[in-house]
Amino acid sequence: MVYLDIISIIYPMNKEEIAHYITTRRQLLALNQEDVAAMAGITAKTIYMIESGKGNPSLETLQKLLTVLGLTIQLKIKSIPE
């Protein structure tokens, strides 16, 4: 069993990883896409696109979604060589 309560999403990560974490967490909470969309203030189509790996959510959208799911975002900033 995967325990996602303690997992933070590290951004940026690839679309498939984001889709996996969000879909798994939503299913563990026994929520459908429409319920999550309504709670997050985004469209069900947006949830579908993210979960199918086709969407490219903004940080704002991702934050809203993850807040509903009880997950957090951690930004990993790499320095740019001069």
N, C-alpha and C. Protein backbone atom coordinates (compact mmCIF):
# COMPACT_ATOMS: atom_id res chain seq x y z
N MET A 1 0.84 -1.18 0.00
CA MET A 1 0.00 0.00 0.00
C MET A 1 0.88 1.24 0.00
N VAL A 2 0.51 2.22 -0.78
CA VAL A 2 1.26 3.47 -0.86
C VAL A 2 0.65 4.47 0.10
N TYR A 3 1.47 5.05 0.95
CA TYR A 3 1.01 6.07 1.88
C TYR A 3 1.39 7.43 1.33
N LEU A 4 0.40 8.13 0.78
CA LEU A 4 0.68 9.41 0.16
C LEU A 4 0.51 10.59 1.12
N ASP A 5 0.09 10.33 2.35
CA ASP A 5 -0.08 11.43 3.29
C ASP A 5 1.24 12.15 3.56
N ILE A 6 2.33 11.44 3.46
CA ILE A 6 3.62 12.03 3.81
C ILE A 6 4.43 12.44 2.59
N ILE A 7 3.85 12.26 1.42
CA ILE A 7 4.58 12.57 0.20
C ILE A 7 4.32 14.01 -0.21
N SER A 8 5.35 14.71 -0.55
CA SER A 8 5.22 16.03 -1.14
C SER A 8 5.58 15.90 -2.61
N ILE A 9 4.89 16.65 -3.42
CA ILE A 9 5.23 16.65 -4.83
C ILE A 9 6.39 17.62 -5.02
N ILE A 10 7.44 17.16 -5.64
CA ILE A 10 8.59 18.01 -5.94
C ILE A 10 8.37 18.56 -7.35
N TYR A 11 8.34 19.86 -7.47
CA TYR A 11 8.06 20.49 -8.76
C TYR A 11 9.33 21.18 -9.22
N PRO A 12 9.79 21.06 -10.42
CA PRO A 12 9.12 20.37 -11.52
C PRO A 12 9.40 18.87 -11.52
N MET A 13 8.43 18.12 -11.93
CA MET A 13 8.57 16.69 -12.16
C MET A 13 7.80 16.39 -13.44
N ASN A 14 7.99 15.21 -13.99
CA ASN A 14 7.34 14.98 -15.27
C ASN A 14 5.83 14.76 -15.11
N LYS A 15 5.12 14.94 -16.21
CA LYS A 15 3.66 14.88 -16.20
C LYS A 15 3.12 13.53 -15.73
N GLU A 16 3.81 12.47 -16.09
CA GLU A 16 3.36 11.13 -15.70
C GLU A 16 3.44 10.94 -14.19
N GLU A 17 4.49 11.46 -13.57
CA GLU A 17 4.62 11.35 -12.11
C GLU A 17 3.54 12.16 -11.41
N ILE A 18 3.31 13.37 -11.88
CA ILE A 18 2.25 14.20 -11.31
C ILE A 18 0.91 13.49 -11.45
N ALA A 19 0.64 12.97 -12.63
CA ALA A 19 -0.62 12.26 -12.89
C ALA A 19 -0.79 11.09 -11.93
N HIS A 20 0.27 10.32 -11.75
CA HIS A 20 0.21 9.15 -10.86
C HIS A 20 -0.12 9.55 -9.43
N TYR A 21 0.60 10.52 -8.87
CA TYR A 21 0.38 10.93 -7.49
C TYR A 21 -1.02 11.48 -7.29
N ILE A 22 -1.47 12.32 -8.20
CA ILE A 22 -2.79 12.94 -8.06
C ILE A 22 -3.90 11.91 -8.19
N THR A 23 -3.81 11.05 -9.19
CA THR A 23 -4.84 10.02 -9.39
C THR A 23 -4.89 9.07 -8.20
N THR A 24 -3.75 8.60 -7.75
CA THR A 24 -3.70 7.67 -6.63
C THR A 24 -4.27 8.29 -5.36
N ARG A 25 -3.87 9.51 -5.08
CA ARG A 25 -4.36 10.19 -3.88
C ARG A 25 -5.87 10.41 -3.96
N ARG A 26 -6.36 10.86 -5.10
CA ARG A 26 -7.80 11.09 -5.27
C ARG A 26 -8.57 9.80 -5.03
N GLN A 27 -8.08 8.70 -5.58
CA GLN A 27 -8.75 7.42 -5.42
C GLN A 27 -8.70 6.93 -3.97
N LEU A 28 -7.58 7.15 -3.29
CA LEU A 28 -7.49 6.78 -1.87
C LEU A 28 -8.49 7.54 -1.02
N LEU A 29 -8.80 8.76 -1.43
CA LEU A 29 -9.78 9.58 -0.71
C LEU A 29 -11.21 9.30 -1.17
N ALA A 30 -11.36 8.38 -2.12
CA ALA A 30 -12.67 8.00 -2.66
C ALA A 30 -13.43 9.21 -3.23
N LEU A 31 -12.69 10.05 -3.96
CA LEU A 31 -13.28 11.22 -4.60
C LEU A 31 -13.27 11.03 -6.10
N ASN A 32 -14.29 11.57 -6.78
CA ASN A 32 -14.25 11.55 -8.24
C ASN A 32 -13.69 12.88 -8.74
N GLN A 33 -13.41 12.93 -10.02
CA GLN A 33 -12.79 14.12 -10.60
C GLN A 33 -13.68 15.36 -10.44
N GLU A 34 -14.98 15.18 -10.57
CA GLU A 34 -15.90 16.31 -10.45
C GLU A 34 -15.89 16.90 -9.04
N ASP A 35 -15.86 16.02 -8.03
CA ASP A 35 -15.81 16.48 -6.64
C ASP A 35 -14.54 17.28 -6.37
N VAL A 36 -13.42 16.74 -6.81
CA VAL A 36 -12.13 17.42 -6.59
C VAL A 36 -12.10 18.75 -7.33
N ALA A 37 -12.60 18.77 -8.54
CA ALA A 37 -12.62 20.00 -9.33
C ALA A 37 -13.44 21.08 -8.62
N ALA A 38 -14.61 20.71 -8.13
CA ALA A 38 -15.46 21.68 -7.43
C ALA A 38 -14.78 22.21 -6.17
N MET A 39 -14.14 21.33 -5.41
CA MET A 39 -13.46 21.76 -4.18
C MET A 39 -12.25 22.63 -4.48
N ALA A 40 -11.59 22.38 -5.60
CA ALA A 40 -10.38 23.14 -5.95
C ALA A 40 -10.68 24.41 -6.73
N GLY A 41 -11.92 24.53 -7.22
CA GLY A 41 -12.27 25.71 -8.01
C GLY A 41 -11.69 25.67 -9.41
N ILE A 42 -11.53 24.47 -9.95
CA ILE A 42 -11.06 24.29 -11.32
C ILE A 42 -12.03 23.36 -12.04
N THR A 43 -11.86 23.18 -13.33
CA THR A 43 -12.81 22.36 -14.08
C THR A 43 -12.45 20.88 -14.00
N ALA A 44 -13.47 20.05 -14.17
CA ALA A 44 -13.24 18.60 -14.20
C ALA A 44 -12.37 18.24 -15.40
N LYS A 45 -12.48 19.00 -16.49
CA LYS A 45 -11.64 18.75 -17.66
C LYS A 45 -10.17 18.97 -17.31
N THR A 46 -9.89 19.96 -16.50
CA THR A 46 -8.52 20.22 -16.07
C THR A 46 -7.99 19.03 -15.28
N ILE A 47 -8.81 18.50 -14.37
CA ILE A 47 -8.40 17.32 -13.59
C ILE A 47 -8.12 16.16 -14.53
N TYR A 48 -9.03 15.94 -15.47
CA TYR A 48 -8.85 14.84 -16.44
C TYR A 48 -7.54 15.00 -17.20
N MET A 49 -7.27 16.21 -17.68
CA MET A 49 -6.05 16.45 -18.47
C MET A 49 -4.79 16.20 -17.62
N ILE A 50 -4.81 16.64 -16.38
CA ILE A 50 -3.66 16.43 -15.50
C ILE A 50 -3.47 14.95 -15.21
N GLU A 51 -4.57 14.26 -14.87
CA GLU A 51 -4.47 12.84 -14.52
C GLU A 51 -4.11 11.97 -15.71
N SER A 52 -4.43 12.41 -16.91
CA SER A 52 -4.09 11.63 -18.10
C SER A 52 -2.69 11.95 -18.61
N GLY A 53 -2.02 12.90 -17.95
CA GLY A 53 -0.67 13.27 -18.36
C GLY A 53 -0.63 14.19 -19.56
N LYS A 54 -1.79 14.73 -19.94
CA LYS A 54 -1.86 15.61 -21.11
C LYS A 54 -1.83 17.08 -20.72
N GLY A 55 -2.13 17.36 -19.47
CA GLY A 55 -2.18 18.75 -19.04
C GLY A 55 -0.82 19.25 -18.59
N ASN A 56 -0.69 20.55 -18.60
CA ASN A 56 0.53 21.20 -18.12
C ASN A 56 0.08 22.26 -17.12
N PRO A 57 -0.25 21.83 -15.89
CA PRO A 57 -0.85 22.77 -14.94
C PRO A 57 0.12 23.85 -14.48
N SER A 58 -0.44 25.03 -14.26
CA SER A 58 0.36 26.09 -13.66
C SER A 58 0.60 25.73 -12.20
N LEU A 59 1.54 26.40 -11.59
CA LEU A 59 1.79 26.16 -10.16
C LEU A 59 0.55 26.51 -9.34
N GLU A 60 -0.17 27.54 -9.75
CA GLU A 60 -1.38 27.95 -9.03
C GLU A 60 -2.44 26.84 -9.08
N THR A 61 -2.66 26.29 -10.27
CA THR A 61 -3.63 25.20 -10.42
C THR A 61 -3.19 23.98 -9.63
N LEU A 62 -1.93 23.64 -9.74
CA LEU A 62 -1.41 22.49 -9.01
C LEU A 62 -1.55 22.68 -7.50
N GLN A 63 -1.29 23.88 -7.03
CA GLN A 63 -1.42 24.18 -5.59
C GLN A 63 -2.87 23.98 -5.14
N LYS A 64 -3.83 24.50 -5.90
CA LYS A 64 -5.24 24.33 -5.54
C LYS A 64 -5.61 22.86 -5.47
N LEU A 65 -5.20 22.12 -6.46
CA LEU A 65 -5.52 20.70 -6.54
C LEU A 65 -4.89 19.92 -5.39
N LEU A 66 -3.62 20.15 -5.14
CA LEU A 66 -2.92 19.42 -4.09
C LEU A 66 -3.43 19.78 -2.70
N THR A 67 -3.85 21.02 -2.51
CA THR A 67 -4.42 21.42 -1.23
C THR A 67 -5.67 20.61 -0.92
N VAL A 68 -6.53 20.45 -1.91
CA VAL A 68 -7.74 19.63 -1.74
C VAL A 68 -7.38 18.19 -1.39
N LEU A 69 -6.31 17.69 -1.99
CA LEU A 69 -5.90 16.30 -1.79
C LEU A 69 -5.02 16.11 -0.56
N GLY A 70 -4.70 17.19 0.13
CA GLY A 70 -3.89 17.10 1.34
C GLY A 70 -2.41 16.88 1.06
N LEU A 71 -1.97 17.28 -0.12
CA LEU A 71 -0.56 17.16 -0.50
C LEU A 71 0.04 18.56 -0.60
N THR A 72 1.35 18.64 -0.65
CA THR A 72 2.03 19.93 -0.76
C THR A 72 2.98 19.93 -1.94
N ILE A 73 3.40 21.14 -2.30
CA ILE A 73 4.40 21.31 -3.36
C ILE A 73 5.69 21.77 -2.71
N GLN A 74 6.78 21.19 -3.14
CA GLN A 74 8.11 21.68 -2.77
C GLN A 74 8.81 22.07 -4.06
N LEU A 75 9.27 23.29 -4.12
CA LEU A 75 10.01 23.73 -5.29
C LEU A 75 11.47 23.38 -5.12
N LYS A 76 12.03 22.82 -6.15
CA LYS A 76 13.45 22.47 -6.14
C LYS A 76 14.11 23.39 -7.17
N ILE A 77 14.83 24.36 -6.68
CA ILE A 77 15.43 25.36 -7.55
C ILE A 77 16.91 25.04 -7.72
N LYS A 78 17.31 24.92 -8.96
CA LYS A 78 18.71 24.64 -9.26
C LYS A 78 19.38 25.94 -9.69
N SER A 79 20.62 26.10 -9.28
CA SER A 79 21.34 27.30 -9.70
C SER A 79 21.74 27.15 -11.16
N ILE A 80 21.78 28.28 -11.82
CA ILE A 80 22.16 28.30 -13.23
C ILE A 80 23.63 28.68 -13.32
N PRO A 81 24.42 27.84 -13.97
CA PRO A 81 25.85 28.17 -14.10
C PRO A 81 26.04 29.46 -14.89
N GLU A 82 27.00 30.25 -14.46
CA GLU A 82 27.26 31.52 -15.16
C GLU A 82 28.23 31.34 -16.29
